[in-house]
Amino acid sequence: MSEENTTTIEYDEETYREVETIDTSAQEDLEEIKAQEKSSDDVDPIEQQVQERLSKMKSNMDRMAKERDEALKKAAEIEQQRNQKQCGG
């Protein structure tokens, strides 16, 4: 008979989040290193302009998404208050 070595790994949601956070941090660090390597190499001026513009566009999109989320949250709060007034009065 052969013996099998098995390992059971159990973890909770918190551990998973920690691992996920570490994974994300490692990915961000890797991207930063790659960006630094690119900047140290001869970068095509057109590529650099494209990247700068894309960066600005991404920043604007992130800002707009945040504003949208805040507006939706506020709208939900107003709706909830309206419903409470209708039920209470």
C-alpha atoms as a PDB file:
ATOM      1  CA  MET A   1       0.000   0.000   0.000  1.00  0.00           C
ATOM      2  CA  SER A   2       1.192   3.475  -0.758  1.00  0.00           C
ATOM      3  CA  GLU A   3       0.820   6.353   1.621  1.00  0.00           C
ATOM      4  CA  GLU A   4      -0.617   9.620   0.455  1.00  0.00           C
ATOM      5  CA  ASN A   5       0.418  12.871   2.025  1.00  0.00           C
ATOM      6  CA  THR A   6      -2.437  15.307   2.083  1.00  0.00           C
ATOM      7  CA  THR A   7      -2.685  18.688   3.666  1.00  0.00           C
ATOM      8  CA  THR A   8      -5.900  20.409   4.470  1.00  0.00           C
ATOM      9  CA  ILE A   9      -5.744  24.169   4.600  1.00  0.00           C
ATOM     10  CA  GLU A  10      -8.527  25.927   6.381  1.00  0.00           C
ATOM     11  CA  TYR A  11      -8.850  29.687   6.539  1.00  0.00           C
ATOM     12  CA  ASP A  12     -11.495  32.178   7.308  1.00  0.00           C
ATOM     13  CA  GLU A  13     -12.639  35.177   5.315  1.00  0.00           C
ATOM     14  CA  GLU A  14     -10.307  37.531   7.188  1.00  0.00           C
ATOM     15  CA  THR A  15      -7.280  35.453   6.244  1.00  0.00           C
ATOM     16  CA  TYR A  16      -8.442  35.435   2.634  1.00  0.00           C
ATOM     17  CA  ARG A  17      -8.743  39.235   2.672  1.00  0.00           C
ATOM     18  CA  GLU A  18      -5.236  39.534   4.098  1.00  0.00           C
ATOM     19  CA  VAL A  19      -3.825  37.295   1.382  1.00  0.00           C
ATOM     20  CA  GLU A  20      -5.772  39.184  -1.273  1.00  0.00           C
ATOM     21  CA  THR A  21      -4.409  42.510   0.058  1.00  0.00           C
ATOM     22  CA  ILE A  22      -0.860  41.202   0.000  1.00  0.00           C
ATOM     23  CA  ASP A  23      -1.407  39.930  -3.543  1.00  0.00           C
ATOM     24  CA  THR A  24      -2.704  43.334  -4.633  1.00  0.00           C
ATOM     25  CA  SER A  25       0.217  45.109  -2.991  1.00  0.00           C
ATOM     26  CA  ALA A  26       2.687  42.825  -4.723  1.00  0.00           C
ATOM     27  CA  GLN A  27       1.016  43.458  -8.070  1.00  0.00           C
ATOM     28  CA  GLU A  28       1.128  47.235  -7.513  1.00  0.00           C
ATOM     29  CA  ASP A  29       4.808  47.027  -6.556  1.00  0.00           C
ATOM     30  CA  LEU A  30       5.543  45.019  -9.692  1.00  0.00           C
ATOM     31  CA  GLU A  31       3.735  47.555 -11.869  1.00  0.00           C
ATOM     32  CA  GLU A  32       5.666  50.391 -10.235  1.00  0.00           C
ATOM     33  CA  ILE A  33       8.975  48.632 -10.885  1.00  0.00           C
ATOM     34  CA  LYS A  34       8.025  48.035 -14.512  1.00  0.00           C
ATOM     35  CA  ALA A  35       7.067  51.704 -14.874  1.00  0.00           C
ATOM     36  CA  GLN A  36      10.420  52.771 -13.442  1.00  0.00           C
ATOM     37  CA  GLU A  37      12.254  50.439 -15.798  1.00  0.00           C
ATOM     38  CA  LYS A  38      10.348  51.872 -18.739  1.00  0.00           C
ATOM     39  CA  SER A  39      11.103  55.442 -17.694  1.00  0.00           C
ATOM     40  CA  SER A  40      14.810  54.641 -17.415  1.00  0.00           C
ATOM     41  CA  ASP A  41      14.841  53.187 -20.928  1.00  0.00           C
ATOM     42  CA  ASP A  42      14.546  55.313 -24.026  1.00  0.00           C
ATOM     43  CA  VAL A  43      10.826  55.984 -24.146  1.00  0.00           C
ATOM     44  CA  ASP A  44       9.124  56.885 -27.377  1.00  0.00           C
ATOM     45  CA  PRO A  45       7.863  60.482 -26.973  1.00  0.00           C
ATOM     46  CA  ILE A  46       4.550  59.602 -28.603  1.00  0.00           C
ATOM     47  CA  GLU A  47       4.082  56.629 -26.273  1.00  0.00           C
ATOM     48  CA  GLN A  48       4.887  58.881 -23.323  1.00  0.00           C
ATOM     49  CA  GLN A  49       2.251  61.428 -24.423  1.00  0.00           C
ATOM     50  CA  VAL A  50      -0.308  58.679 -24.918  1.00  0.00           C
ATOM     51  CA  GLN A  51       0.397  57.302 -21.443  1.00  0.00           C
ATOM     52  CA  GLU A  52       0.133  60.763 -19.878  1.00  0.00           C
ATOM     53  CA  ARG A  53      -3.199  61.404 -21.572  1.00  0.00           C
ATOM     54  CA  LEU A  54      -4.513  57.980 -20.622  1.00  0.00           C
ATOM     55  CA  SER A  55      -3.448  58.609 -17.045  1.00  0.00           C
ATOM     56  CA  LYS A  56      -5.366  61.900 -16.993  1.00  0.00           C
ATOM     57  CA  MET A  57      -8.403  60.211 -18.545  1.00  0.00           C
ATOM     58  CA  LYS A  58      -8.292  57.439 -15.947  1.00  0.00           C
ATOM     59  CA  SER A  59      -8.061  60.004 -13.183  1.00  0.00           C
ATOM     60  CA  ASN A  60     -11.105  61.820 -14.566  1.00  0.00           C
ATOM     61  CA  MET A  61     -13.046  58.564 -14.915  1.00  0.00           C
ATOM     62  CA  ASP A  62     -12.215  57.612 -11.324  1.00  0.00           C
ATOM     63  CA  ARG A  63     -13.338  61.039 -10.103  1.00  0.00           C
ATOM     64  CA  MET A  64     -16.585  60.847 -12.082  1.00  0.00           C
ATOM     65  CA  ALA A  65     -17.300  57.343 -10.791  1.00  0.00           C
ATOM     66  CA  LYS A  66     -16.757  58.547  -7.231  1.00  0.00           C
ATOM     67  CA  GLU A  67     -19.093  61.504  -7.782  1.00  0.00           C
ATOM     68  CA  ARG A  68     -21.710  59.188  -9.318  1.00  0.00           C
ATOM     69  CA  ASP A  69     -21.488  56.825  -6.356  1.00  0.00           C
ATOM     70  CA  GLU A  70     -21.894  59.721  -3.919  1.00  0.00           C
ATOM     71  CA  ALA A  71     -24.896  61.043  -5.865  1.00  0.00           C
ATOM     72  CA  LEU A  72     -26.533  57.598  -5.903  1.00  0.00           C
ATOM     73  CA  LYS A  73     -25.935  57.240  -2.181  1.00  0.00           C
ATOM     74  CA  LYS A  74     -27.483  60.651  -1.532  1.00  0.00           C
ATOM     75  CA  ALA A  75     -30.463  59.799  -3.768  1.00  0.00           C
ATOM     76  CA  ALA A  76     -30.994  56.561  -1.840  1.00  0.00           C
ATOM     77  CA  GLU A  77     -30.885  58.452   1.457  1.00  0.00           C
ATOM     78  CA  ILE A  78     -33.441  60.992   0.202  1.00  0.00           C
ATOM     79  CA  GLU A  79     -35.690  58.190  -1.033  1.00  0.00           C
ATOM     80  CA  GLN A  80     -35.417  56.412   2.305  1.00  0.00           C
ATOM     81  CA  GLN A  81     -36.322  59.612   4.177  1.00  0.00           C
ATOM     82  CA  ARG A  82     -39.265  60.162   1.852  1.00  0.00           C
ATOM     83  CA  ASN A  83     -40.512  56.609   2.471  1.00  0.00           C
ATOM     84  CA  GLN A  84     -40.154  57.037   6.221  1.00  0.00           C
ATOM     85  CA  LYS A  85     -42.210  60.257   6.121  1.00  0.00           C
ATOM     86  CA  GLN A  86     -44.917  58.587   4.045  1.00  0.00           C
ATOM     87  CA  CYS A  87     -45.135  55.618   6.389  1.00  0.00           C
ATOM     88  CA  GLY A  88     -44.993  57.756   9.507  1.00  0.00           C
ATOM     89  CA  GLY A  89     -47.257  60.594   8.467  1.00  0.00           C
END
